[in-house]
């Protein structure tokens, strides 16, 4: 077996995927816990968005196998990811505005 084949085979090991799955599960648990404690809206949204970005990165990297692809494919998808993150932060203030408009 060549070096490249051995490296590609080791790249997607069951242990690696279970470790990533565990971290995704842990971050989901943290997000659920954050939903039950009373934090400020700004802090809550910032924490949840940050965790969501980390989770999306893990999913894209390992379960969509981009971590093991050529660098050019990953760099081609970076502008789309940056666009999505910028759009999230553009709509973030709007969600706070809608919160204050809500009847109590």
N, C-alpha and C. Protein backbone atom coordinates (compact mmCIF):
# COMPACT_ATOMS: atom_id res chain seq x y z
N UNK A 1 0.86 -1.19 0.00
CA UNK A 1 0.00 0.00 0.00
C UNK A 1 0.90 1.24 0.00
N UNK A 2 0.59 2.20 -0.85
CA UNK A 2 1.41 3.41 -0.95
C UNK A 2 1.13 4.33 0.23
N UNK A 3 2.01 5.30 0.39
CA UNK A 3 1.88 6.27 1.49
C UNK A 3 0.59 7.08 1.39
N UNK A 4 0.25 7.52 0.17
CA UNK A 4 -0.96 8.33 -0.03
C UNK A 4 -2.21 7.53 0.28
N UNK A 5 -2.24 6.26 -0.11
CA UNK A 5 -3.41 5.42 0.17
C UNK A 5 -3.55 5.19 1.67
N UNK A 6 -2.45 4.93 2.34
CA UNK A 6 -2.49 4.71 3.79
C UNK A 6 -2.95 5.97 4.51
N UNK A 7 -2.47 7.14 4.06
CA UNK A 7 -2.86 8.39 4.70
C UNK A 7 -4.35 8.66 4.48
N UNK A 8 -4.84 8.42 3.27
CA UNK A 8 -6.26 8.66 2.97
C UNK A 8 -7.12 7.71 3.79
N UNK A 9 -6.67 6.46 3.95
CA UNK A 9 -7.44 5.49 4.72
C UNK A 9 -7.47 5.88 6.20
N UNK A 10 -6.36 6.36 6.73
CA UNK A 10 -6.31 6.77 8.13
C UNK A 10 -7.08 8.05 8.38
N UNK A 11 -7.25 8.88 7.35
CA UNK A 11 -7.88 10.18 7.51
C UNK A 11 -9.33 10.05 7.95
N UNK A 12 -10.03 9.01 7.54
CA UNK A 12 -11.43 8.87 7.89
C UNK A 12 -11.68 7.74 8.85
N UNK A 13 -10.88 7.61 9.88
CA UNK A 13 -11.04 6.50 10.81
C UNK A 13 -12.30 6.65 11.65
N UNK A 14 -12.78 5.53 12.13
CA UNK A 14 -13.99 5.51 12.95
C UNK A 14 -13.78 6.29 14.26
N UNK A 15 -12.59 6.18 14.82
CA UNK A 15 -12.28 6.89 16.06
C UNK A 15 -12.37 8.40 15.86
N UNK A 16 -11.85 8.89 14.74
CA UNK A 16 -11.90 10.32 14.44
C UNK A 16 -13.34 10.81 14.32
N UNK A 17 -14.17 10.06 13.57
CA UNK A 17 -15.55 10.47 13.39
C UNK A 17 -16.33 10.41 14.70
N UNK A 18 -16.05 9.43 15.54
CA UNK A 18 -16.73 9.37 16.84
C UNK A 18 -16.31 10.52 17.75
N UNK A 19 -15.04 10.90 17.67
CA UNK A 19 -14.57 12.04 18.46
C UNK A 19 -15.26 13.33 18.01
N UNK A 20 -15.32 13.54 16.70
CA UNK A 20 -16.00 14.73 16.18
C UNK A 20 -17.48 14.70 16.55
N UNK A 21 -18.11 13.53 16.43
CA UNK A 21 -19.52 13.40 16.79
C UNK A 21 -19.73 13.72 18.27
N UNK A 22 -18.82 13.27 19.14
CA UNK A 22 -18.93 13.57 20.57
C UNK A 22 -18.88 15.08 20.81
N UNK A 23 -17.94 15.78 20.15
CA UNK A 23 -17.83 17.23 20.33
C UNK A 23 -19.06 17.95 19.81
N UNK A 24 -19.61 17.47 18.69
CA UNK A 24 -20.85 18.06 18.19
C UNK A 24 -21.99 17.86 19.18
N UNK A 25 -22.08 16.68 19.76
CA UNK A 25 -23.10 16.39 20.76
C UNK A 25 -22.92 17.27 22.00
N UNK A 26 -21.67 17.44 22.44
CA UNK A 26 -21.39 18.27 23.60
C UNK A 26 -21.77 19.73 23.34
N UNK A 27 -21.45 20.23 22.15
CA UNK A 27 -21.80 21.62 21.83
C UNK A 27 -23.32 21.79 21.72
N UNK A 28 -24.01 20.78 21.23
CA UNK A 28 -25.48 20.84 21.19
C UNK A 28 -26.04 20.87 22.59
N UNK A 29 -25.46 20.10 23.50
CA UNK A 29 -25.88 20.13 24.90
C UNK A 29 -25.66 21.50 25.52
N UNK A 30 -24.53 22.13 25.20
CA UNK A 30 -24.26 23.47 25.70
C UNK A 30 -25.29 24.46 25.16
N UNK A 31 -25.64 24.32 23.88
CA UNK A 31 -26.64 25.21 23.28
C UNK A 31 -28.00 25.04 23.96
N UNK A 32 -28.38 23.81 24.25
CA UNK A 32 -29.66 23.57 24.93
C UNK A 32 -29.61 24.16 26.33
N UNK A 33 -28.50 23.97 27.04
CA UNK A 33 -28.35 24.54 28.38
C UNK A 33 -28.45 26.06 28.34
N UNK A 34 -27.82 26.68 27.34
CA UNK A 34 -27.89 28.14 27.21
C UNK A 34 -29.32 28.62 27.00
N UNK A 35 -30.14 27.78 26.39
CA UNK A 35 -31.54 28.13 26.17
C UNK A 35 -32.34 28.19 27.47
N UNK A 36 -31.88 27.50 28.50
CA UNK A 36 -32.61 27.47 29.75
C UNK A 36 -32.12 28.46 30.80
N UNK A 37 -30.92 28.98 30.63
CA UNK A 37 -30.44 29.97 31.60
C UNK A 37 -30.77 31.36 31.08
N UNK A 38 -30.85 32.29 31.98
CA UNK A 38 -31.25 33.65 31.61
C UNK A 38 -30.01 34.53 31.43
N UNK A 39 -29.63 34.68 30.18
CA UNK A 39 -28.53 35.57 29.82
C UNK A 39 -29.10 36.73 29.03
N UNK A 40 -28.31 37.76 28.88
CA UNK A 40 -28.73 38.86 28.03
C UNK A 40 -28.90 38.38 26.59
N UNK A 41 -29.82 39.00 25.88
CA UNK A 41 -30.11 38.56 24.52
C UNK A 41 -28.88 38.66 23.63
N UNK A 42 -28.16 39.75 23.75
CA UNK A 42 -26.96 39.95 22.92
C UNK A 42 -25.92 38.87 23.19
N UNK A 43 -25.66 38.60 24.47
CA UNK A 43 -24.69 37.57 24.83
C UNK A 43 -25.17 36.19 24.38
N UNK A 44 -26.45 35.92 24.58
CA UNK A 44 -27.02 34.62 24.19
C UNK A 44 -26.87 34.39 22.69
N UNK A 45 -27.26 35.38 21.89
CA UNK A 45 -27.16 35.23 20.44
C UNK A 45 -25.71 35.11 19.97
N UNK A 46 -24.82 35.84 20.60
CA UNK A 46 -23.41 35.77 20.24
C UNK A 46 -22.85 34.38 20.53
N UNK A 47 -23.16 33.85 21.70
CA UNK A 47 -22.69 32.51 22.07
C UNK A 47 -23.28 31.44 21.15
N UNK A 48 -24.57 31.53 20.89
CA UNK A 48 -25.22 30.53 20.04
C UNK A 48 -24.70 30.60 18.60
N UNK A 49 -24.50 31.80 18.09
CA UNK A 49 -23.97 31.93 16.73
C UNK A 49 -22.53 31.42 16.65
N UNK A 50 -21.74 31.72 17.66
CA UNK A 50 -20.37 31.23 17.69
C UNK A 50 -20.30 29.72 17.72
N UNK A 51 -21.11 29.11 18.58
CA UNK A 51 -21.15 27.65 18.64
C UNK A 51 -21.65 27.05 17.33
N UNK A 52 -22.62 27.70 16.72
CA UNK A 52 -23.15 27.20 15.44
C UNK A 52 -22.10 27.25 14.34
N UNK A 53 -21.29 28.29 14.33
CA UNK A 53 -20.23 28.40 13.33
C UNK A 53 -19.18 27.31 13.54
N UNK A 54 -18.83 27.05 14.79
CA UNK A 54 -17.86 25.99 15.08
C UNK A 54 -18.43 24.63 14.68
N UNK A 55 -19.71 24.39 15.00
CA UNK A 55 -20.33 23.12 14.63
C UNK A 55 -20.41 22.95 13.11
N UNK A 56 -20.77 24.02 12.40
CA UNK A 56 -20.84 23.94 10.94
C UNK A 56 -19.46 23.65 10.35
N UNK A 57 -18.42 24.24 10.93
CA UNK A 57 -17.07 23.99 10.46
C UNK A 57 -16.68 22.53 10.66
N UNK A 58 -17.01 21.97 11.82
CA UNK A 58 -16.70 20.56 12.07
C UNK A 58 -17.46 19.64 11.11
N UNK A 59 -18.73 19.94 10.89
CA UNK A 59 -19.54 19.11 9.99
C UNK A 59 -19.00 19.17 8.57
N UNK A 60 -18.71 20.38 8.11
CA UNK A 60 -18.19 20.54 6.75
C UNK A 60 -16.82 19.87 6.62
N UNK A 61 -15.98 20.04 7.62
CA UNK A 61 -14.63 19.50 7.54
C UNK A 61 -14.58 17.99 7.57
N UNK A 62 -15.32 17.38 8.48
CA UNK A 62 -15.18 15.94 8.68
C UNK A 62 -16.28 15.11 8.02
N UNK A 63 -17.54 15.49 8.17
CA UNK A 63 -18.61 14.65 7.63
C UNK A 63 -18.86 14.91 6.15
N UNK A 64 -18.45 16.09 5.67
CA UNK A 64 -18.52 16.34 4.23
C UNK A 64 -17.14 16.16 3.59
N UNK A 65 -16.18 15.71 4.40
CA UNK A 65 -14.84 15.31 3.97
C UNK A 65 -14.01 16.40 3.32
N UNK A 66 -14.30 17.67 3.59
CA UNK A 66 -13.48 18.74 3.00
C UNK A 66 -12.10 18.81 3.63
N UNK A 67 -11.96 18.32 4.83
CA UNK A 67 -10.65 18.33 5.48
C UNK A 67 -9.65 17.48 4.71
N UNK A 68 -10.15 16.47 4.02
CA UNK A 68 -9.27 15.54 3.33
C UNK A 68 -9.18 15.82 1.83
N UNK A 69 -9.78 16.92 1.38
CA UNK A 69 -9.76 17.28 -0.03
C UNK A 69 -8.54 18.15 -0.34
N UNK A 70 -8.37 18.41 -1.63
CA UNK A 70 -7.28 19.29 -2.05
C UNK A 70 -7.54 20.70 -1.52
N UNK A 71 -6.49 21.41 -1.28
CA UNK A 71 -6.58 22.78 -0.74
C UNK A 71 -7.38 23.69 -1.67
N UNK A 72 -7.28 23.50 -2.98
CA UNK A 72 -7.97 24.38 -3.92
C UNK A 72 -9.49 24.30 -3.77
N UNK A 73 -10.03 23.11 -3.51
CA UNK A 73 -11.47 22.96 -3.33
C UNK A 73 -11.92 23.69 -2.07
N UNK A 74 -11.16 23.56 -1.01
CA UNK A 74 -11.49 24.24 0.24
C UNK A 74 -11.44 25.76 0.05
N UNK A 75 -10.41 26.25 -0.62
CA UNK A 75 -10.29 27.69 -0.85
C UNK A 75 -11.38 28.22 -1.76
N UNK A 76 -11.89 27.38 -2.63
CA UNK A 76 -12.97 27.80 -3.50
C UNK A 76 -14.27 28.01 -2.72
N UNK A 77 -14.47 27.26 -1.65
CA UNK A 77 -15.69 27.36 -0.85
C UNK A 77 -15.61 28.42 0.24
N UNK A 78 -14.43 28.92 0.53
CA UNK A 78 -14.27 29.93 1.59
C UNK A 78 -15.07 31.21 1.34
N UNK A 79 -15.10 31.76 0.13
CA UNK A 79 -15.90 32.98 -0.07
C UNK A 79 -17.37 32.78 0.26
N UNK A 80 -17.92 31.62 -0.04
CA UNK A 80 -19.33 31.36 0.28
C UNK A 80 -19.53 31.33 1.79
N UNK A 81 -18.60 30.72 2.52
CA UNK A 81 -18.72 30.66 3.97
C UNK A 81 -18.60 32.07 4.58
N UNK A 82 -17.68 32.86 4.08
CA UNK A 82 -17.53 34.23 4.57
C UNK A 82 -18.80 35.03 4.30
N UNK A 83 -19.38 34.85 3.12
CA UNK A 83 -20.63 35.54 2.77
C UNK A 83 -21.75 35.17 3.75
N UNK A 84 -21.88 33.90 4.05
CA UNK A 84 -22.94 33.46 4.96
C UNK A 84 -22.73 34.04 6.36
N UNK A 85 -21.50 34.04 6.84
CA UNK A 85 -21.21 34.59 8.17
C UNK A 85 -21.50 36.09 8.20
N UNK A 86 -21.10 36.80 7.15
CA UNK A 86 -21.38 38.25 7.08
C UNK A 86 -22.89 38.49 7.08
N UNK A 87 -23.63 37.69 6.33
CA UNK A 87 -25.09 37.85 6.30
C UNK A 87 -25.71 37.58 7.68
N UNK A 88 -25.18 36.59 8.39
CA UNK A 88 -25.68 36.33 9.74
C UNK A 88 -25.50 37.55 10.64
N UNK A 89 -24.33 38.15 10.56
CA UNK A 89 -24.07 39.31 11.41
C UNK A 89 -24.81 40.56 10.93
N UNK A 90 -25.20 40.59 9.66
CA UNK A 90 -26.01 41.72 9.19
C UNK A 90 -27.44 41.63 9.73
N UNK A 91 -27.96 40.41 9.85
CA UNK A 91 -29.32 40.24 10.34
C UNK A 91 -29.40 40.15 11.87
N UNK A 92 -28.26 40.00 12.52
CA UNK A 92 -28.21 39.93 13.98
C UNK A 92 -28.83 41.17 14.64
N UNK A 93 -28.48 42.41 14.24
CA UNK A 93 -29.11 43.58 14.85
C UNK A 93 -30.61 43.65 14.58
N UNK A 94 -31.04 43.14 13.44
CA UNK A 94 -32.46 43.16 13.12
C UNK A 94 -33.25 42.27 14.09
N UNK A 95 -32.66 41.17 14.50
CA UNK A 95 -33.35 40.31 15.45
C UNK A 95 -33.52 41.01 16.80
N UNK A 96 -32.55 41.82 17.19
CA UNK A 96 -32.70 42.58 18.43
C UNK A 96 -33.77 43.66 18.29
N UNK A 97 -33.86 44.29 17.12
CA UNK A 97 -34.89 45.29 16.88
C UNK A 97 -36.27 44.65 16.97
N UNK A 98 -36.43 43.49 16.39
CA UNK A 98 -37.73 42.80 16.45
C UNK A 98 -38.08 42.38 17.87
N UNK A 99 -37.07 42.05 18.66
CA UNK A 99 -37.32 41.68 20.05
C UNK A 99 -37.92 42.85 20.81
N UNK A 100 -37.41 44.06 20.57
CA UNK A 100 -37.92 45.23 21.27
C UNK A 100 -39.29 45.67 20.76
N UNK A 101 -39.66 45.27 19.55
CA UNK A 101 -40.97 45.60 19.00
C UNK A 101 -42.07 44.66 19.49
N UNK A 102 -41.67 43.52 20.05
CA UNK A 102 -42.61 42.50 20.48
C UNK A 102 -43.49 43.02 21.61
N UNK A 103 -44.81 42.80 21.51
CA UNK A 103 -45.68 43.23 22.62
C UNK A 103 -45.40 42.36 23.85
N UNK A 104 -45.50 42.99 24.98
CA UNK A 104 -45.22 42.25 26.23
C UNK A 104 -46.45 41.97 26.99
